[in-house]
Structures are given as C-alpha cells and as structure tokens.
Amino acid sequence: MATKVAIEVQIKNIKQIKVLENQLKKLRKEQRELARTNKDAKKLSGEEAKAYTRKHKAVTQASKALREHKKALLGVNKNTKAATKSTNGMAKQFVKGAAAIGIVVGAFRAINRVVSGVISTFTEFEFQMAKTAAITGATESDFKKLGDTAQELGRTTFFTAQQVAELQTNYAKLGFSTDEILKAQASTLQLATVTASDLGRAAIVTGAAVRGFGLDASETGRVVDVMTEAFNSSALDMEKWQTSMTKVAPIAAGMNITIEDTAAIMGVLTDAGIEASIAGTSMRNIFLQMKDPTSKLGQYLGFTVNSSLDLKLALEKLSEASAETRDGLVNIRQVAAMQVMVQGAEMVQLLSDKLYAAKGAAEKAASIIGDTLHGAFLRLTSAAQGLSIELVDKLGGGLQDLVD
C-alpha cells in the first residue's frame, strides 16, 4: 500500500514540474522580448519598468517552485527505493524463513516415516511369529529357534523375516513340527526364488507334496528339486502342479509310485495340452483302476500296479494293445490321458530320468537368479528390514509397556 501511494505522489509531482517548466519557459521568453525592446533599462518608462520587474519576480518564483518540486520528487524517489528495498528484504527474509521451516518440517516427517517404518516392520513380524507359535504350540525354546532362523533368512535372502514367518505359519497349518519347519524352510525359499512365487504359497504347495507322498520333512529338498526340474523341463508351473498333485498324490503314494514318476507323467500330459485339473483327475482314476484287479484295466494287465516298476511294465503292455482296445479299458473321460501316457511312454521315461537326477537343481537355479542386480536390491531390502526388527527387539518390553 505504501509503495502504491509513493508511486501516485511521484506521478503527481512529475506533472506539476512539467507545468512549472512550461510556465518558466514562457516567462523567460517574455522577459527576453522586453529586454530586446528596451536595451537600456534606465530609459524605461515607469509602466515598462514595473512590467519588467514583475516578469523578473515571476521568473524567480517559478524557478524556485521548480527547484522545490524537483527536490521533493528526489525525496520521493529515495523513499520509494528504500521502501522497495525494505519490501524486497522482507520478502527475502520471509522466503528464507519459510524454507527453513520447510526443511525442519520435512526432516521431522522423514524421521517420523523412518521410525514408523521400523516399528511397523517389527510389529508385523512379531504378530506373524505369534500366529506361528499359536498354531504349532511351540515351546519357548522352539519359538526362539523359529524366530532366530526367520530373522537370519530374512537378512541373507530375497525374502524378509516376516515372509519367512508366513512360510513357518503355513507349514504349521499343515501339521509340521518346529523341527520339520526348520528342515523344510531353506529349500522352500529356493523354490520361491526360482518360481518367483509368494513364499507362503510355496510353503503350502511344497508341504502338500511332502505330506501327499508321505515323505519326511527332511526330504523337502528332494521335492523342491523335482518341482524345479519339472517346471524347467515341461509346461508345468506352480499353479498346474498344485491343481494336479492335490488329486493324484495320495493315490500315487498309496501305490508306491514315486513323486518323480508321477511328476513325469503329469509333465507329459501338460505338454500335450491336457488341462491340469483334468490331467490330475484322469491320472487318479487310471491309477485306481490299475490297482483294482476287478477293473477292466486290471484284468487286461493281469496284475495290479503297486510300484513305479509295475507302472512302467503296465505302460509297456498297454503299448502293445490297439487304440480301440485301450479306449475300452477306461472311462471315456480318461481316454485322452491314457493315450498320451501310453504313446508318450518314452517321453515319460526321459523326463523321469531327469527328475531322479534333479538333486541340487533348485539351489543352482536360485543361485543364478540371485546373482543379479535385482537380486542384490532384494537382499538389501530384506537386510534393512532385518535391521529394523533387531533394533526394536533390543528395546525389550519397554516399547510395548509404553504403548499399553
């Protein structure tokens, strides 16, 4: 507002100065004319002398007024400049102050995010571990083992401690004891790495296969290697494996057909374009008929299938029969699967041989995938979260008591 008033005064003074300059110019012109008309002032008449004197006074007054207005204008300019300088200074100080406040607020927000993130990471991990303990009924000693390994794997692998805790929870739901979980979790992490799947789901699928084939938890590594090789050598993937295996695994296990041979047949059926659910159901029904001596298939074979070797002999005998004969031995819904199993017996055997030799496949594949920049960043993230858990854990119960 002050600046606006100063500008208005300045404009008004400029206009007045212009008027005075014009008046002064006119008066001086008239004075010169009088001087030319009467070169000798002493000879002037009384009226002419008075006129000349009046003009002289008028010029003097006009000159004085002009000087005063110019001086006033100069003062206004100085004040305006001072006001402008002061205003600019205030603006600069305001900007600096605002910037400083912004930096402080930003710093507090950043600190708040870090602290909140650290506490959130710990609380989520602690809550997940509590669920694991509740399901397993683990003793204090067992619970500490699970928590320690979860944190260790969280610091050294792609996966966070909380994700490892979810793995432990899912194994616990499948009835795995603390010792069985500890034996199974490392290889399950490798499978999740190779398949880029959720760690909790990898635990469910792997655990179901271990339980489905009646294997010990110590053989989880074998199961994971078979799955890895099967996924790399056929159209099988985690979803198709889970869909098919849930239907056929218990039956195959009851007939002493290994996971390797079962997976080999499943892989060949999937390669032939048979949908996973149909493949699993067809395998289950064909296996059941091979086991039943009263079924058409059992009667044609002349023996019951009770092992992987028996299965191989059965497929060889069926390969000698005509397509029409084989079609009549099973339900119409199993005809396609039967034809693929028999005609693709050689491919089944080749894949089976690969799966029997799959030991270390998951570890090798996981190592290759992990030796990348993306893998390094994932490990860095997991390590950072591991540090958060460790920091809050060192506070003991004090933080919980404070919250309570």
Protein backbone atom coordinates (compact mmCIF):
# COMPACT_ATOMS: atom_id res chain seq x y z
CA MET A 1 0.00 0.00 0.00
CA ALA A 2 2.85 2.38 0.91
CA THR A 3 4.54 1.68 -2.40
CA LYS A 4 1.34 2.45 -4.30
CA VAL A 5 0.93 5.84 -2.55
CA ALA A 6 4.56 6.73 -3.22
CA ILE A 7 4.14 6.00 -6.91
CA GLU A 8 0.98 8.14 -7.09
CA VAL A 9 2.78 11.10 -5.40
CA GLN A 10 5.69 10.68 -7.76
CA ILE A 11 3.43 10.85 -10.83
CA LYS A 12 1.65 13.94 -9.47
CA ASN A 13 4.97 15.78 -8.84
CA ILE A 14 6.20 14.96 -12.32
CA LYS A 15 3.08 16.51 -13.82
CA GLN A 16 3.46 19.70 -11.68
CA ILE A 17 7.13 20.03 -12.65
CA LYS A 18 6.15 19.83 -16.30
CA VAL A 19 3.61 22.64 -15.83
CA LEU A 20 6.15 24.79 -13.97
CA GLU A 21 8.80 24.23 -16.63
CA ASN A 22 6.37 25.38 -19.33
CA GLN A 23 5.40 28.45 -17.29
CA LEU A 24 9.04 29.29 -16.60
CA LYS A 25 9.89 28.88 -20.27
CA LYS A 26 7.07 31.25 -21.24
CA LEU A 27 8.05 33.88 -18.63
CA ARG A 28 11.69 33.86 -19.71
CA LYS A 29 10.64 34.29 -23.31
CA GLU A 30 8.52 37.31 -22.40
CA GLN A 31 11.40 38.76 -20.34
CA ARG A 32 13.82 38.41 -23.27
CA GLU A 33 11.35 40.15 -25.54
CA LEU A 34 11.09 43.06 -23.08
CA ALA A 35 14.87 43.22 -22.88
CA ARG A 36 15.26 43.35 -26.68
CA THR A 37 12.60 46.05 -26.93
CA ASN A 38 14.29 48.21 -24.33
CA LYS A 39 18.00 47.56 -24.36
CA ASP A 40 18.69 50.27 -21.83
CA ALA A 41 16.56 49.65 -18.72
CA LYS A 42 17.37 53.06 -17.32
CA LYS A 43 15.42 54.71 -20.14
CA LEU A 44 12.35 52.62 -19.49
CA SER A 45 9.09 54.37 -18.65
CA GLY A 46 7.51 53.81 -15.29
CA GLU A 47 4.99 51.24 -16.58
CA GLU A 48 7.58 49.37 -18.61
CA ALA A 49 9.95 49.20 -15.61
CA LYS A 50 7.18 47.82 -13.43
CA ALA A 51 6.30 45.23 -16.09
CA TYR A 52 9.93 44.18 -16.40
CA THR A 53 10.22 43.89 -12.59
CA ARG A 54 7.04 41.79 -12.40
CA LYS A 55 8.36 39.45 -15.09
CA HIS A 56 11.68 39.12 -13.26
CA LYS A 57 9.94 38.27 -9.98
CA ALA A 58 7.67 35.81 -11.73
CA VAL A 59 10.68 34.08 -13.33
CA THR A 60 12.44 33.95 -9.94
CA GLN A 61 9.37 32.47 -8.19
CA ALA A 62 8.78 29.97 -10.95
CA SER A 63 12.43 28.88 -10.81
CA LYS A 64 12.19 28.45 -7.03
CA ALA A 65 8.96 26.45 -7.28
CA LEU A 66 10.51 24.27 -9.93
CA ARG A 67 13.58 23.56 -7.76
CA GLU A 68 11.38 22.68 -4.76
CA HIS A 69 9.27 20.25 -6.75
CA LYS A 70 12.33 18.60 -8.18
CA LYS A 71 13.77 18.29 -4.70
CA ALA A 72 10.51 16.79 -3.45
CA LEU A 73 10.50 14.38 -6.32
CA LEU A 74 14.05 13.30 -5.49
CA GLY A 75 12.96 12.62 -1.89
CA VAL A 76 10.02 10.54 -3.07
CA ASN A 77 12.33 8.53 -5.28
CA LYS A 78 14.64 7.87 -2.38
CA ASN A 79 11.75 6.84 -0.15
CA THR A 80 10.32 4.66 -2.86
CA LYS A 81 13.64 2.96 -3.40
CA ALA A 82 14.04 2.49 0.34
CA ALA A 83 10.54 1.10 0.66
CA THR A 84 11.10 -1.21 -2.28
CA LYS A 85 14.44 -2.33 -0.87
CA SER A 86 12.84 -2.90 2.51
CA THR A 87 9.95 -4.82 0.97
CA ASN A 88 12.31 -6.97 -1.06
CA GLY A 89 14.40 -7.59 2.03
CA MET A 90 11.34 -8.61 3.99
CA ALA A 91 10.29 -10.91 1.14
CA LYS A 92 13.72 -12.48 1.03
CA GLN A 93 13.72 -13.00 4.78
CA PHE A 94 10.25 -14.47 4.55
CA VAL A 95 11.34 -16.88 1.83
CA LYS A 96 14.40 -17.85 3.85
CA GLY A 97 12.27 -18.36 6.94
CA ALA A 98 9.71 -20.39 5.01
CA ALA A 99 12.48 -22.51 3.50
CA ALA A 100 13.96 -23.12 6.94
CA ILE A 101 10.57 -24.11 8.33
CA GLY A 102 10.01 -26.39 5.33
CA ILE A 103 13.35 -28.09 5.88
CA VAL A 104 12.59 -28.66 9.56
CA VAL A 105 9.09 -29.96 8.85
CA GLY A 106 10.44 -32.20 6.08
CA ALA A 107 13.14 -33.53 8.38
CA PHE A 108 10.60 -34.35 11.09
CA ARG A 109 8.37 -36.06 8.56
CA ALA A 110 11.29 -38.11 7.26
CA ILE A 111 12.25 -39.11 10.79
CA ASN A 112 8.64 -39.96 11.53
CA ARG A 113 8.45 -42.18 8.43
CA VAL A 114 11.65 -43.97 9.36
CA VAL A 115 10.60 -44.56 12.96
CA SER A 116 7.09 -45.61 11.91
CA GLY A 117 8.53 -47.97 9.30
CA VAL A 118 10.93 -49.55 11.79
CA ILE A 119 8.23 -50.10 14.38
CA SER A 120 5.72 -51.32 11.79
CA THR A 121 8.23 -53.85 10.43
CA PHE A 122 8.86 -55.26 13.90
CA THR A 123 5.20 -55.38 14.96
CA GLU A 124 4.15 -57.18 11.75
CA PHE A 125 6.96 -59.72 12.19
CA GLU A 126 6.16 -60.21 15.87
CA PHE A 127 2.45 -60.68 15.12
CA GLN A 128 3.18 -63.24 12.38
CA MET A 129 5.52 -65.17 14.69
CA ALA A 130 2.83 -65.16 17.38
CA LYS A 131 0.43 -66.83 14.93
CA THR A 132 3.07 -69.47 14.17
CA ALA A 133 3.58 -70.13 17.88
CA ALA A 134 -0.16 -70.38 18.47
CA ILE A 135 -0.62 -72.94 15.66
CA THR A 136 2.43 -75.08 16.44
CA GLY A 137 2.12 -74.86 20.20
CA ALA A 138 5.87 -74.34 20.20
CA THR A 139 7.73 -74.14 23.47
CA GLU A 140 9.63 -71.01 24.35
CA SER A 141 12.84 -72.68 23.15
CA ASP A 142 11.28 -73.78 19.84
CA PHE A 143 9.71 -70.38 19.33
CA LYS A 144 13.12 -68.75 19.74
CA LYS A 145 14.59 -71.13 17.14
CA LEU A 146 11.86 -70.24 14.65
CA GLY A 147 12.25 -66.52 15.30
CA ASP A 148 16.04 -66.62 15.03
CA THR A 149 16.03 -68.56 11.75
CA ALA A 150 13.33 -66.28 10.32
CA GLN A 151 15.46 -63.25 11.08
CA GLU A 152 18.62 -64.92 9.76
CA LEU A 153 16.97 -65.95 6.47
CA GLY A 154 15.38 -62.51 6.26
CA ARG A 155 18.78 -60.84 6.48
CA THR A 156 20.54 -63.11 3.97
CA THR A 157 17.98 -63.95 1.25
CA PHE A 158 15.50 -62.29 -1.12
CA PHE A 159 12.77 -62.63 1.48
CA THR A 160 12.02 -60.61 4.58
CA ALA A 161 11.79 -62.05 8.06
CA GLN A 162 8.03 -61.52 8.01
CA GLN A 163 7.70 -63.52 4.79
CA VAL A 164 9.73 -66.34 6.33
CA ALA A 165 7.41 -66.17 9.34
CA GLU A 166 4.43 -66.59 6.95
CA LEU A 167 6.16 -69.66 5.50
CA GLN A 168 6.51 -71.07 9.00
CA THR A 169 2.84 -70.36 9.71
CA ASN A 170 1.70 -72.19 6.57
CA TYR A 171 3.88 -75.21 7.35
CA ALA A 172 2.46 -75.21 10.86
CA LYS A 173 -1.07 -75.32 9.41
CA LEU A 174 -0.05 -78.48 7.51
CA GLY A 175 0.95 -80.09 10.80
CA PHE A 176 4.71 -79.59 10.53
CA SER A 177 6.51 -79.54 13.87
CA THR A 178 9.15 -76.97 14.73
CA ASP A 179 11.96 -79.34 13.70
CA GLU A 180 10.19 -80.16 10.43
CA ILE A 181 9.70 -76.48 9.63
CA LEU A 182 13.37 -75.80 10.28
CA LYS A 183 14.32 -78.65 7.90
CA ALA A 184 11.93 -77.51 5.16
CA GLN A 185 12.22 -73.73 5.06
CA ALA A 186 15.61 -73.22 3.36
CA SER A 187 14.74 -75.31 0.27
CA THR A 188 11.29 -73.74 0.13
CA LEU A 189 12.94 -70.33 -0.14
CA GLN A 190 14.92 -71.64 -3.11
CA LEU A 191 11.72 -72.81 -4.82
CA ALA A 192 10.04 -69.44 -4.27
CA THR A 193 13.11 -67.72 -5.73
CA VAL A 194 13.15 -69.95 -8.83
CA THR A 195 9.41 -69.67 -9.48
CA ALA A 196 9.12 -66.00 -8.43
CA SER A 197 6.17 -67.02 -6.29
CA ASP A 198 4.89 -65.92 -2.92
CA LEU A 199 6.81 -67.58 -0.11
CA GLY A 200 3.68 -68.52 1.80
CA ARG A 201 2.19 -70.22 -1.23
CA ALA A 202 5.44 -72.03 -1.99
CA ALA A 203 5.28 -73.45 1.54
CA ILE A 204 1.69 -74.65 1.06
CA VAL A 205 2.40 -76.34 -2.30
CA THR A 206 5.66 -77.92 -1.16
CA GLY A 207 4.25 -79.00 2.17
CA ALA A 208 1.22 -80.57 0.47
CA ALA A 209 3.52 -82.57 -1.84
CA VAL A 210 5.65 -83.75 1.10
CA ARG A 211 2.58 -84.78 3.04
CA GLY A 212 0.78 -86.15 -0.04
CA PHE A 213 3.60 -88.59 -0.84
CA GLY A 214 4.12 -89.48 2.83
CA LEU A 215 7.68 -88.13 2.87
CA ASP A 216 9.72 -86.91 5.81
CA ALA A 217 10.29 -83.18 6.16
CA SER A 218 13.99 -83.82 5.64
CA GLU A 219 13.10 -84.75 2.03
CA THR A 220 11.66 -81.31 1.29
CA GLY A 221 14.83 -80.54 -0.64
CA ARG A 222 14.19 -83.54 -2.88
CA VAL A 223 10.61 -82.41 -3.53
CA VAL A 224 11.76 -78.88 -4.32
CA ASP A 225 14.45 -80.17 -6.72
CA VAL A 226 11.87 -82.34 -8.53
CA MET A 227 9.47 -79.42 -8.82
CA THR A 228 12.21 -77.10 -10.11
CA GLU A 229 13.39 -79.58 -12.76
CA ALA A 230 9.82 -80.42 -13.76
CA PHE A 231 9.00 -76.72 -14.20
CA ASN A 232 12.17 -76.21 -16.26
CA SER A 233 11.61 -79.29 -18.45
CA SER A 234 7.86 -79.18 -19.17
CA ALA A 235 4.84 -76.91 -19.30
CA LEU A 236 4.22 -77.45 -15.60
CA ASP A 237 4.29 -74.48 -13.25
CA MET A 238 3.39 -73.86 -9.63
CA GLU A 239 -0.35 -73.48 -10.29
CA LYS A 240 -0.64 -76.54 -12.55
CA TRP A 241 1.42 -78.63 -10.14
CA GLN A 242 -0.78 -77.69 -7.21
CA THR A 243 -4.00 -78.34 -9.15
CA SER A 244 -2.91 -81.79 -10.37
CA MET A 245 -0.96 -83.05 -7.38
CA THR A 246 -3.75 -82.47 -4.88
CA LYS A 247 -5.81 -85.03 -6.83
CA VAL A 248 -3.25 -87.72 -7.57
CA ALA A 249 -0.52 -87.54 -4.90
CA PRO A 250 -2.25 -89.58 -2.16
CA ILE A 251 -3.25 -92.31 -4.64
CA ALA A 252 0.24 -92.50 -6.16
CA ALA A 253 1.80 -92.63 -2.71
CA GLY A 254 -0.55 -95.48 -1.73
CA MET A 255 0.61 -97.42 -4.82
CA ASN A 256 4.31 -96.73 -4.06
CA ILE A 257 4.66 -94.66 -7.23
CA THR A 258 7.36 -92.06 -6.61
CA ILE A 259 6.96 -88.33 -6.86
CA GLU A 260 9.47 -88.37 -9.75
CA ASP A 261 7.43 -90.81 -11.87
CA THR A 262 4.15 -89.11 -11.00
CA ALA A 263 5.56 -85.72 -11.94
CA ALA A 264 6.99 -87.11 -15.20
CA ILE A 265 3.55 -88.39 -16.33
CA MET A 266 1.97 -85.13 -15.23
CA GLY A 267 4.52 -83.12 -17.23
CA VAL A 268 3.91 -85.12 -20.41
CA LEU A 269 0.11 -84.75 -20.05
CA THR A 270 0.51 -80.99 -19.56
CA ASP A 271 2.79 -80.75 -22.59
CA ALA A 272 0.05 -82.46 -24.61
CA GLY A 273 -2.32 -79.63 -23.71
CA ILE A 274 -4.46 -81.51 -21.19
CA GLU A 275 -5.73 -79.06 -18.58
CA ALA A 276 -4.17 -79.53 -15.14
CA SER A 277 -7.36 -80.40 -13.29
CA ILE A 278 -8.36 -82.97 -15.94
CA ALA A 279 -4.83 -84.40 -16.00
CA GLY A 280 -4.82 -84.88 -12.23
CA THR A 281 -8.29 -86.42 -12.14
CA SER A 282 -7.53 -88.74 -15.10
CA MET A 283 -4.27 -89.93 -13.55
CA ARG A 284 -6.01 -90.64 -10.26
CA ASN A 285 -8.76 -92.70 -11.90
CA ILE A 286 -6.33 -94.63 -14.16
CA PHE A 287 -4.09 -95.40 -11.18
CA LEU A 288 -7.09 -96.60 -9.15
CA GLN A 289 -8.12 -98.95 -11.97
CA MET A 290 -4.57 -100.23 -12.32
CA LYS A 291 -4.66 -101.07 -8.62
CA ASP A 292 -8.06 -102.78 -8.80
CA PRO A 293 -7.81 -106.42 -10.06
CA THR A 294 -11.55 -106.47 -10.83
CA SER A 295 -11.49 -103.45 -13.18
CA LYS A 296 -11.28 -103.89 -16.96
CA LEU A 297 -7.84 -102.34 -16.93
CA GLY A 298 -6.67 -104.55 -14.04
CA GLN A 299 -7.98 -107.66 -15.74
CA TYR A 300 -6.30 -106.77 -19.05
CA LEU A 301 -2.96 -106.21 -17.32
CA GLY A 302 -3.24 -109.43 -15.33
CA PHE A 303 -1.55 -107.82 -12.32
CA THR A 304 -2.06 -104.86 -10.01
CA VAL A 305 0.23 -101.87 -10.03
CA ASN A 306 1.88 -101.36 -6.64
CA SER A 307 5.13 -99.60 -7.53
CA SER A 308 6.84 -97.40 -10.09
CA LEU A 309 8.29 -100.53 -11.69
CA ASP A 310 4.81 -102.05 -12.02
CA LEU A 311 3.63 -98.79 -13.64
CA LYS A 312 6.41 -98.99 -16.21
CA LEU A 313 5.52 -102.61 -17.04
CA ALA A 314 1.84 -101.70 -17.32
CA LEU A 315 2.54 -98.91 -19.83
CA GLU A 316 4.74 -101.25 -21.88
CA LYS A 317 1.95 -103.87 -22.06
CA LEU A 318 -0.66 -101.26 -22.92
CA SER A 319 1.55 -100.02 -25.77
CA GLU A 320 1.10 -103.45 -27.43
CA ALA A 321 -2.70 -103.06 -27.46
CA SER A 322 -4.62 -101.25 -30.18
CA ALA A 323 -6.03 -97.79 -29.58
CA GLU A 324 -9.56 -99.22 -29.68
CA THR A 325 -8.70 -101.79 -27.03
CA ARG A 326 -7.17 -99.19 -24.74
CA ASP A 327 -10.16 -96.90 -25.17
CA GLY A 328 -12.45 -99.65 -23.94
CA LEU A 329 -10.42 -100.21 -20.77
CA VAL A 330 -11.12 -96.82 -19.17
CA ASN A 331 -13.92 -94.32 -18.82
CA ILE A 332 -14.39 -92.03 -21.80
CA ARG A 333 -13.17 -89.08 -19.72
CA GLN A 334 -9.79 -90.80 -19.21
CA VAL A 335 -9.27 -91.88 -22.84
CA ALA A 336 -7.14 -88.85 -23.81
CA ALA A 337 -4.88 -89.16 -20.78
CA MET A 338 -4.48 -92.92 -21.34
CA GLN A 339 -3.46 -92.44 -24.97
CA VAL A 340 -0.87 -89.76 -24.04
CA MET A 341 0.55 -91.90 -21.20
CA VAL A 342 0.96 -94.94 -23.46
CA GLN A 343 2.05 -93.27 -26.68
CA GLY A 344 4.32 -90.88 -24.79
CA ALA A 345 5.84 -93.59 -22.56
CA GLU A 346 9.30 -92.84 -23.94
CA MET A 347 8.99 -89.14 -23.12
CA VAL A 348 7.70 -90.04 -19.67
CA GLN A 349 10.81 -92.16 -19.10
CA LEU A 350 13.17 -89.41 -20.30
CA LEU A 351 11.56 -86.83 -18.03
CA SER A 352 11.52 -89.31 -15.16
CA ASP A 353 15.26 -89.87 -15.54
CA LYS A 354 15.81 -86.10 -15.37
CA LEU A 355 13.77 -85.81 -12.21
CA TYR A 356 15.64 -88.64 -10.49
CA ALA A 357 18.86 -86.77 -11.26
CA ALA A 358 17.48 -83.37 -10.14
CA LYS A 359 19.37 -83.15 -6.85
CA GLY A 360 20.68 -79.57 -6.38
CA ALA A 361 18.56 -78.17 -9.24
CA ALA A 362 16.77 -75.63 -7.02
CA GLU A 363 19.93 -74.39 -5.34
CA LYS A 364 21.69 -73.98 -8.68
CA ALA A 365 18.79 -72.13 -10.30
CA ALA A 366 18.28 -69.90 -7.25
CA SER A 367 21.99 -69.04 -7.23
CA ILE A 368 21.89 -67.97 -10.88
CA ILE A 369 18.78 -65.85 -10.37
CA GLY A 370 20.17 -64.34 -7.18
CA ASP A 371 23.43 -63.26 -8.79
CA THR A 372 21.83 -60.19 -10.39
CA LEU A 373 21.41 -56.51 -9.57
CA HIS A 374 17.72 -57.09 -8.87
CA GLY A 375 18.66 -59.89 -6.50
CA ALA A 376 21.13 -57.62 -4.74
CA PHE A 377 18.48 -54.95 -4.19
CA LEU A 378 16.05 -57.55 -2.83
CA ARG A 379 18.67 -58.76 -0.38
CA LEU A 380 19.41 -55.16 0.62
CA THR A 381 15.72 -54.56 1.33
CA SER A 382 15.47 -57.73 3.39
CA ALA A 383 18.63 -56.86 5.31
CA ALA A 384 17.29 -53.37 6.09
CA GLN A 385 14.07 -54.85 7.44
CA GLY A 386 16.12 -57.32 9.44
CA LEU A 387 17.98 -54.40 10.99
CA SER A 388 14.66 -52.73 11.88
CA ILE A 389 13.49 -55.86 13.68
CA GLU A 390 16.79 -56.18 15.51
CA LEU A 391 16.75 -52.55 16.64
CA VAL A 392 13.22 -52.65 18.05
CA ASP A 393 13.79 -56.10 19.55
CA LYS A 394 16.75 -54.73 21.53
CA LEU A 395 14.41 -52.27 23.23
CA GLY A 396 12.87 -55.21 25.04
CA GLY A 397 9.40 -54.87 26.51
CA GLY A 398 9.79 -51.18 27.22
CA LEU A 399 8.14 -50.08 23.98
CA GLN A 400 5.19 -52.43 24.44
CA ASP A 401 4.77 -51.26 28.03
CA LEU A 402 4.75 -47.67 26.81
CA VAL A 403 2.07 -48.43 24.21
CA ASP A 404 -0.01 -50.37 26.74
